[in-house]
Structure formats: C-alpha cells, structure tokens
Amino acid sequence: MPTPALAIVERIAAAILTALQTYAGHDSTGAELAVRPSAAGDNFSLQHGLILLDQGDGSRSPEYESYDSYAWSQAFTVAILLRQADVGAGAVATEVNAAVAAVQVVLTATPQWGGIALDTDLTSVVLFDLVGAEGLTGAEISFDVVYRVKKTDPTTNS
C-alpha cells in the first residue's frame, strides 16, 4: 500500500517548525529549542528560550474558495518561554518584547510557507507567567494560516 501524502496542514506545521528551529537554535545538549509537543509523550524540559508550536482548530474560509477548492484557516499558537534568572540585568518585559518581535518576524517572513499556503495572519499576543514553574515568563503568539485544497484531494494545494 502506498504511503499517503501528508495533509497540507501538516506540511504547513512542519514548515513553521523548521523556521522556528532555525531561529531558536539548540540548547547546550544539542536539543532543539523549538518543538511541537505530541500527545505520545514529550521529551523536552521547560527552559529558557524554549519555543512551543501548538496547532489549534481549523475553520472554513469561504472568501478564499473557488469552484474546485475549499479554503481553510488553521489556527496555531507559538509559546515563548524565558527564565527570568537567565534574562540578565535588563527588564524581563523588554526581553519578552524582543523575543515576541523576533518570532513575529520569523512567522511573517514567508507567509505562504513555500507556496503551500495563501497567507499568515498574526491574531494576538498574550504575555504570561507560568504558575508552578519557578521564574518562567513569556508570551503566546496566536496566528492563522489560510490555505486552499482541491475538493477532491485534501493533500493537494490549489
């Protein structure tokens, strides 16, 4: 049996993760600092500089549809974690704002994600402090990626 093609939304998520990994780099052990958590079990620790990519719900975008295609808006959230002790002498808010700006640049640099999406729209930024995780602060950046697929094949962009 042939291996089925990856759904477009999975290819978009992989492209986003690759861009975030290029930005974030690696920790001292060589582990990626940008990860996509899985339900099967996560092998990362909450640490300074960690970026988490989470996929939300998708919804139809009829304004982008054509006679032979469906259009979808897929929600994603990127969480940026910073350990206050590792920020240094600067203000924590300044460091969080700088990280948010840098990640926003990554997310909007190629809004079509290699030609498989139509556009990327940043929708919100929420700052947070993690309760129970000593000294971790950060931000969540929510965004939608609009893409189109053929009505007869959800693995083929249109």
C-alpha atoms as a PDB file:
ATOM      1  CA  MET A   1       0.000   0.000   0.000  1.00  0.00           C
ATOM      2  CA  PRO A   2       1.466   3.402  -0.932  1.00  0.00           C
ATOM      3  CA  THR A   3       2.174   5.914   1.794  1.00  0.00           C
ATOM      4  CA  PRO A   4      -0.486   8.612   1.757  1.00  0.00           C
ATOM      5  CA  ALA A   5       0.653  12.163   1.121  1.00  0.00           C
ATOM      6  CA  LEU A   6       0.789  14.448   4.127  1.00  0.00           C
ATOM      7  CA  ALA A   7      -2.154  16.735   4.536  1.00  0.00           C
ATOM      8  CA  ILE A   8      -1.365  20.328   3.617  1.00  0.00           C
ATOM      9  CA  VAL A   9      -1.880  21.481   7.203  1.00  0.00           C
ATOM     10  CA  GLU A  10       0.791  19.022   8.357  1.00  0.00           C
ATOM     11  CA  ARG A  11       3.214  20.333   5.734  1.00  0.00           C
ATOM     12  CA  ILE A  12       2.481  23.892   6.875  1.00  0.00           C
ATOM     13  CA  ALA A  13       3.129  22.937  10.520  1.00  0.00           C
ATOM     14  CA  ALA A  14       6.431  21.313   9.508  1.00  0.00           C
ATOM     15  CA  ALA A  15       7.485  24.461   7.608  1.00  0.00           C
ATOM     16  CA  ILE A  16       6.625  26.672  10.592  1.00  0.00           C
ATOM     17  CA  LEU A  17       8.539  24.398  12.968  1.00  0.00           C
ATOM     18  CA  THR A  18      11.602  24.393  10.686  1.00  0.00           C
ATOM     19  CA  ALA A  19      11.584  28.210  10.566  1.00  0.00           C
ATOM     20  CA  LEU A  20      11.257  28.409  14.358  1.00  0.00           C
ATOM     21  CA  GLN A  21      14.060  25.858  14.867  1.00  0.00           C
ATOM     22  CA  THR A  22      16.337  27.892  12.598  1.00  0.00           C
ATOM     23  CA  TYR A  23      15.634  30.962  14.729  1.00  0.00           C
ATOM     24  CA  ALA A  24      15.808  29.273  18.164  1.00  0.00           C
ATOM     25  CA  GLY A  25      18.811  27.000  17.620  1.00  0.00           C
ATOM     26  CA  HIS A  26      19.816  24.355  20.178  1.00  0.00           C
ATOM     27  CA  ASP A  27      20.408  24.147  23.918  1.00  0.00           C
ATOM     28  CA  SER A  28      23.715  23.098  25.495  1.00  0.00           C
ATOM     29  CA  THR A  29      22.879  19.394  24.969  1.00  0.00           C
ATOM     30  CA  GLY A  30      22.148  19.883  21.267  1.00  0.00           C
ATOM     31  CA  ALA A  31      18.368  19.517  21.665  1.00  0.00           C
ATOM     32  CA  GLU A  32      16.149  21.717  19.510  1.00  0.00           C
ATOM     33  CA  LEU A  33      14.786  24.767  21.317  1.00  0.00           C
ATOM     34  CA  ALA A  34      11.689  24.871  19.099  1.00  0.00           C
ATOM     35  CA  VAL A  35       9.438  21.830  19.422  1.00  0.00           C
ATOM     36  CA  ARG A  36       5.945  20.661  18.540  1.00  0.00           C
ATOM     37  CA  PRO A  37       4.594  18.796  21.580  1.00  0.00           C
ATOM     38  CA  SER A  38       2.944  15.465  20.872  1.00  0.00           C
ATOM     39  CA  ALA A  39       0.278  13.531  22.703  1.00  0.00           C
ATOM     40  CA  ALA A  40       2.562  10.492  22.597  1.00  0.00           C
ATOM     41  CA  GLY A  41       4.926  11.987  25.122  1.00  0.00           C
ATOM     42  CA  ASP A  42       7.174  14.952  25.191  1.00  0.00           C
ATOM     43  CA  ASN A  43      10.933  14.830  25.582  1.00  0.00           C
ATOM     44  CA  PHE A  44      11.689  18.447  26.386  1.00  0.00           C
ATOM     45  CA  SER A  45      12.003  20.421  29.574  1.00  0.00           C
ATOM     46  CA  LEU A  46      10.645  23.878  30.285  1.00  0.00           C
ATOM     47  CA  GLN A  47      13.739  26.010  29.882  1.00  0.00           C
ATOM     48  CA  HIS A  48      14.911  29.465  28.917  1.00  0.00           C
ATOM     49  CA  GLY A  49      14.450  30.120  25.207  1.00  0.00           C
ATOM     50  CA  LEU A  50      12.092  27.194  24.531  1.00  0.00           C
ATOM     51  CA  ILE A  51       9.521  27.772  21.787  1.00  0.00           C
ATOM     52  CA  LEU A  52       6.458  25.521  21.597  1.00  0.00           C
ATOM     53  CA  LEU A  53       4.290  25.258  18.471  1.00  0.00           C
ATOM     54  CA  ASP A  54       0.684  24.199  19.062  1.00  0.00           C
ATOM     55  CA  GLN A  55      -1.952  23.571  16.414  1.00  0.00           C
ATOM     56  CA  GLY A  56      -5.495  24.719  17.158  1.00  0.00           C
ATOM     57  CA  ASP A  57      -8.778  24.284  15.359  1.00  0.00           C
ATOM     58  CA  GLY A  58      -9.296  24.950  11.691  1.00  0.00           C
ATOM     59  CA  SER A  59     -12.284  26.625  10.093  1.00  0.00           C
ATOM     60  CA  ARG A  60     -13.518  27.148   6.553  1.00  0.00           C
ATOM     61  CA  SER A  61     -12.646  30.429   4.801  1.00  0.00           C
ATOM     62  CA  PRO A  62     -15.260  30.695   2.044  1.00  0.00           C
ATOM     63  CA  GLU A  63     -13.926  34.052   0.836  1.00  0.00           C
ATOM     64  CA  TYR A  64     -10.815  32.238  -0.499  1.00  0.00           C
ATOM     65  CA  GLU A  65     -12.663  29.308  -2.119  1.00  0.00           C
ATOM     66  CA  SER A  66     -13.118  28.669  -5.824  1.00  0.00           C
ATOM     67  CA  TYR A  67     -15.291  26.292  -7.835  1.00  0.00           C
ATOM     68  CA  ASP A  68     -12.836  23.412  -7.357  1.00  0.00           C
ATOM     69  CA  SER A  69     -11.288  24.172  -3.960  1.00  0.00           C
ATOM     70  CA  TYR A  70     -12.004  24.563  -0.267  1.00  0.00           C
ATOM     71  CA  ALA A  71     -10.142  27.143   1.782  1.00  0.00           C
ATOM     72  CA  TRP A  72      -9.270  26.721   5.441  1.00  0.00           C
ATOM     73  CA  SER A  73      -7.930  28.965   8.172  1.00  0.00           C
ATOM     74  CA  GLN A  74      -5.757  26.936  10.544  1.00  0.00           C
ATOM     75  CA  ALA A  75      -5.060  28.355  13.995  1.00  0.00           C
ATOM     76  CA  PHE A  76      -1.606  27.986  15.543  1.00  0.00           C
ATOM     77  CA  THR A  77      -0.046  29.279  18.747  1.00  0.00           C
ATOM     78  CA  VAL A  78       3.631  29.765  19.492  1.00  0.00           C
ATOM     79  CA  ALA A  79       4.619  29.960  23.170  1.00  0.00           C
ATOM     80  CA  ILE A  80       7.969  31.519  24.027  1.00  0.00           C
ATOM     81  CA  LEU A  81       9.414  30.669  27.446  1.00  0.00           C
ATOM     82  CA  LEU A  82      12.025  32.791  29.193  1.00  0.00           C
ATOM     83  CA  ARG A  83      13.563  32.108  32.602  1.00  0.00           C
ATOM     84  CA  GLN A  84      13.715  35.379  34.498  1.00  0.00           C
ATOM     85  CA  ALA A  85      17.067  34.454  36.072  1.00  0.00           C
ATOM     86  CA  ASP A  86      18.581  33.979  32.580  1.00  0.00           C
ATOM     87  CA  VAL A  87      17.388  37.323  31.214  1.00  0.00           C
ATOM     88  CA  GLY A  88      20.241  39.215  32.819  1.00  0.00           C
ATOM     89  CA  ALA A  89      20.262  42.772  34.048  1.00  0.00           C
ATOM     90  CA  GLY A  90      17.617  44.012  31.592  1.00  0.00           C
ATOM     91  CA  ALA A  91      13.941  44.245  32.320  1.00  0.00           C
ATOM     92  CA  VAL A  92      12.059  40.986  31.802  1.00  0.00           C
ATOM     93  CA  ALA A  93       9.344  42.782  29.811  1.00  0.00           C
ATOM     94  CA  THR A  94      12.000  44.154  27.449  1.00  0.00           C
ATOM     95  CA  GLU A  95      13.366  40.651  26.841  1.00  0.00           C
ATOM     96  CA  VAL A  96       9.878  39.208  26.272  1.00  0.00           C
ATOM     97  CA  ASN A  97       9.028  42.012  23.837  1.00  0.00           C
ATOM     98  CA  ALA A  98      12.271  41.415  21.921  1.00  0.00           C
ATOM     99  CA  ALA A  99      11.551  37.674  21.690  1.00  0.00           C
ATOM    100  CA  VAL A 100       7.973  38.321  20.529  1.00  0.00           C
ATOM    101  CA  ALA A 101       9.202  40.724  17.831  1.00  0.00           C
ATOM    102  CA  ALA A 102      11.823  38.240  16.609  1.00  0.00           C
ATOM    103  CA  VAL A 103       9.315  35.381  16.390  1.00  0.00           C
ATOM    104  CA  GLN A 104       6.802  37.622  14.615  1.00  0.00           C
ATOM    105  CA  VAL A 105       9.474  38.342  12.007  1.00  0.00           C
ATOM    106  CA  VAL A 106      10.003  34.580  11.549  1.00  0.00           C
ATOM    107  CA  LEU A 107       6.254  33.958  11.201  1.00  0.00           C
ATOM    108  CA  THR A 108       5.697  36.720   8.655  1.00  0.00           C
ATOM    109  CA  ALA A 109       8.903  36.385   6.615  1.00  0.00           C
ATOM    110  CA  THR A 110       7.364  33.786   4.298  1.00  0.00           C
ATOM    111  CA  PRO A 111       3.597  33.966   4.877  1.00  0.00           C
ATOM    112  CA  GLN A 112       2.887  31.428   2.115  1.00  0.00           C
ATOM    113  CA  TRP A 113       5.198  28.804   3.689  1.00  0.00           C
ATOM    114  CA  GLY A 114       6.913  27.756   0.490  1.00  0.00           C
ATOM    115  CA  GLY A 115       3.838  28.135  -1.701  1.00  0.00           C
ATOM    116  CA  ILE A 116       1.558  25.766   0.232  1.00  0.00           C
ATOM    117  CA  ALA A 117      -0.454  28.485   1.979  1.00  0.00           C
ATOM    118  CA  LEU A 118      -2.189  31.657   0.869  1.00  0.00           C
ATOM    119  CA  ASP A 119      -1.355  33.889   3.828  1.00  0.00           C
ATOM    120  CA  THR A 120      -0.416  34.106   7.512  1.00  0.00           C
ATOM    121  CA  ASP A 121      -2.247  36.493   9.839  1.00  0.00           C
ATOM    122  CA  LEU A 122      -1.000  37.294  13.347  1.00  0.00           C
ATOM    123  CA  THR A 123      -4.070  37.475  15.603  1.00  0.00           C
ATOM    124  CA  SER A 124      -2.905  38.101  19.194  1.00  0.00           C
ATOM    125  CA  VAL A 125      -0.042  38.284  21.668  1.00  0.00           C
ATOM    126  CA  VAL A 126      -0.658  37.345  25.306  1.00  0.00           C
ATOM    127  CA  LEU A 127       2.014  37.713  27.998  1.00  0.00           C
ATOM    128  CA  PHE A 128       2.084  35.202  30.855  1.00  0.00           C
ATOM    129  CA  ASP A 129       3.876  33.970  33.966  1.00  0.00           C
ATOM    130  CA  LEU A 130       3.815  30.204  34.475  1.00  0.00           C
ATOM    131  CA  VAL A 131       2.392  29.252  37.851  1.00  0.00           C
ATOM    132  CA  GLY A 132       4.387  26.445  39.436  1.00  0.00           C
ATOM    133  CA  ALA A 133       7.311  26.799  37.026  1.00  0.00           C
ATOM    134  CA  GLU A 134       9.721  28.871  39.048  1.00  0.00           C
ATOM    135  CA  GLY A 135      10.766  32.033  37.293  1.00  0.00           C
ATOM    136  CA  LEU A 136       9.333  31.280  33.834  1.00  0.00           C
ATOM    137  CA  THR A 137       7.621  34.040  31.930  1.00  0.00           C
ATOM    138  CA  GLY A 138       6.860  34.503  28.267  1.00  0.00           C
ATOM    139  CA  ALA A 139       4.298  35.133  25.584  1.00  0.00           C
ATOM    140  CA  GLU A 140       1.875  33.312  23.334  1.00  0.00           C
ATOM    141  CA  ILE A 141       1.581  34.470  19.740  1.00  0.00           C
ATOM    142  CA  SER A 142      -1.566  33.284  18.003  1.00  0.00           C
ATOM    143  CA  PHE A 143      -1.829  33.276  14.222  1.00  0.00           C
ATOM    144  CA  ASP A 144      -3.885  31.796  11.417  1.00  0.00           C
ATOM    145  CA  VAL A 145      -2.580  30.268   8.221  1.00  0.00           C
ATOM    146  CA  VAL A 146      -5.021  30.294   5.310  1.00  0.00           C
ATOM    147  CA  TYR A 147      -4.603  27.544   2.734  1.00  0.00           C
ATOM    148  CA  ARG A 148      -6.609  26.030  -0.093  1.00  0.00           C
ATOM    149  CA  VAL A 149      -7.032  22.396  -1.134  1.00  0.00           C
ATOM    150  CA  LYS A 150      -8.680  20.694  -4.082  1.00  0.00           C
ATOM    151  CA  LYS A 151     -12.182  19.492  -3.262  1.00  0.00           C
ATOM    152  CA  THR A 152     -11.236  16.017  -4.440  1.00  0.00           C
ATOM    153  CA  ASP A 153      -7.883  15.759  -2.623  1.00  0.00           C
ATOM    154  CA  PRO A 154      -7.106  17.366   0.789  1.00  0.00           C
ATOM    155  CA  THR A 155      -3.398  16.647   0.309  1.00  0.00           C
ATOM    156  CA  THR A 156      -3.068  18.839  -2.795  1.00  0.00           C
ATOM    157  CA  ASN A 157      -2.993  22.602  -2.582  1.00  0.00           C
ATOM    158  CA  SER A 158      -4.970  24.506  -5.155  1.00  0.00           C
END
